[in-house]
C-alpha cells in the first residue's frame, strides 16, 4: 500500500476537487442544452434548425468529454493516494489543456455555429455547411487538444502503475492464471484501470489519426479521403471513449464499496478472465454502429454482433455478482454513497442490455435510426456514470457518518433517479414507435401519428429533465455545504491494500 503523508493527500484531494467543481459547473449547463433540444422537438420553443444542431454537437461532445474527464480524475485520485505516486504538476497540465479544448469547442459551436455532430461524419464538416470554415478548424484543433491531454494522462498513470507492479502483464492480472502463488496482491481497481485506459489509449490514437486527416482536409480542400475509413476511426474512438468512461467508474466501485460493507473484494482468476475478455472485445464492438454501411466488409458486421454480445457479458455479470456478494447480509447502512453505487450498477446493466438488443443485426434494422439509440447510451451514462461520479463526490465531501444521515441528499438523489429514468423512458418509447433520432423537430414527418407522438414524448421529456435538475441541485447544495465546512480526508482502508 502506498504511504503518503497528509500534505500529499491534501494536494491530491485539492486537485480532484478542481476537477469536481468544474464538472459540477459544466454538467447542468450541458443538461440545459438537452432541455432546449427537447423543448424544440416538443414544439414549445423554436430554436431553428441551425441552432438545434449546434446545441446537439456541443451537448454530445461536451457530455462525453466532461464525464470521461471526471471519471479519469477520480481514478487519478484513488490510484495516486493508494497505489502509486502520480505527478501532480502533470495532472494540472492535463486539466488546463482539457479546459482550453473545452473553451475552444464551446466558442466554435455557440459562436461559430459548428453543427456537424460529435462524429464529424466525413465529408460533412466541409461540404454544404452553413457555418464559417474557421469554426470547423477550431473544433478540430480543440478536439485534438483534448485527445493529446488524455493521452498524456493515460500514459503517465499506466506507466506509473506498470513501474510499481512490475509490468503490463502484472497489471492485467496474468500472474493469477499460473500455478504459482501470487507474491503481491493486485487490487481490482488497478487491473480495471489498466483494462480501461489501455484500450482508451488505442482509441485516442485512432481518434488523432481521424482528426489530423480532417485538419489536413481543412487546410487543403482539394484532398479527399475514404469516407468509410474515417467513419470507422470516428466510431472506434467515440464508442470506446464512452465504454471506458463507464469502466473507469466501475473501478472505484470495486475500491470504495468494501469500505461500507466491511468485506474484502479481491482479485481472483474469475475476475481476471472476465475483465481481460472485456479488454479484447471492447476493441471490436464498435462495428455494430456501421451495420447500415453496405460497403463495410461483411465479416466485420458479424464481428460487431459477436463482440457486442461478448463484451457485455463477462465484466457486467461478474461485477453484478460481486456487488450482490458484497451487499448480501452485510448489514450495510444505506447512505447516499452505497445508494449511488447500487443504482448506478443497475443503470449500467439496463443500458447495457438495451445496447445489446440494438446491436443485434435483425433488430438494428428497425431501431438503428430511432430514439432507441440515445435511450441506451443515456441510460448507462445518466443513470450509471453520473451516479457513480456523484457517489465519488459525496465520498470526498462527506464523512461516512454524514453520508448516512444526510436525508436532504437522499431526497435529491431519488428525485434525480426518478426524473432520469422517466426521461430515458421517453426515448425508449420513441424508439419503439419509430420516432427518428437527430431530427430537430417532427413537423416534416408526413405520418401524423409519428409527428404527434414524437412531439408529445419530447414535452414529457422536458418535464422529466426539470425534475432531475431539481434533484441535481438539491445534491449540489449538500455537497457544497460539506465542502465549505471541511471534513476529514478519507484514509486508505486495510481492505484495499
Foldseek 3Di string as FASTA:
>chain_A
DDDDDPVVLVLLLVLLVVLVVVLLVVVVVLLVLVLVLLCLQLVVDPPDPLLNLLSQQLSVVVLLLSLLVNLLSLLCSCCCAPPFPADVVLSVVLVVLLVVLNVLLCCLRVVQSDRCHNLCQPPVSPPPDPGDLVSVLSNLVSVLSNLVSLLSSLVRSLVRNCVRQPHDCVLLVCVQVDPDDDPDFHFQLSNLSSLLRVLLNVLSVLVNVLSVVNNVCSVPVVDDDDSVSSSVSSLLNSQSSLVSSLSSLLSVCQQPLCVQLVDFDGDHPLSSVLSVQLSVLSNLLSLLLCLVPPPPPPVSLVSNLVSLVSNLPRVLVVSVVVLCVSPVVSPGQDFLLVVLQVQLSVLLNVLSVLVNQCSPSVNVVQQVFWLSVVLSSLSNVQRHSVSSSLSSLCLFQDDPVRRSPPVLLVVLVVLLVVLSVLLSVLSVVRSVVSQGPPDSYLVPPPPVVSRNSSSVSSVSNSVSSVSNVVSSVSNVVVSVVSVVVDDDGDDRDPSRD
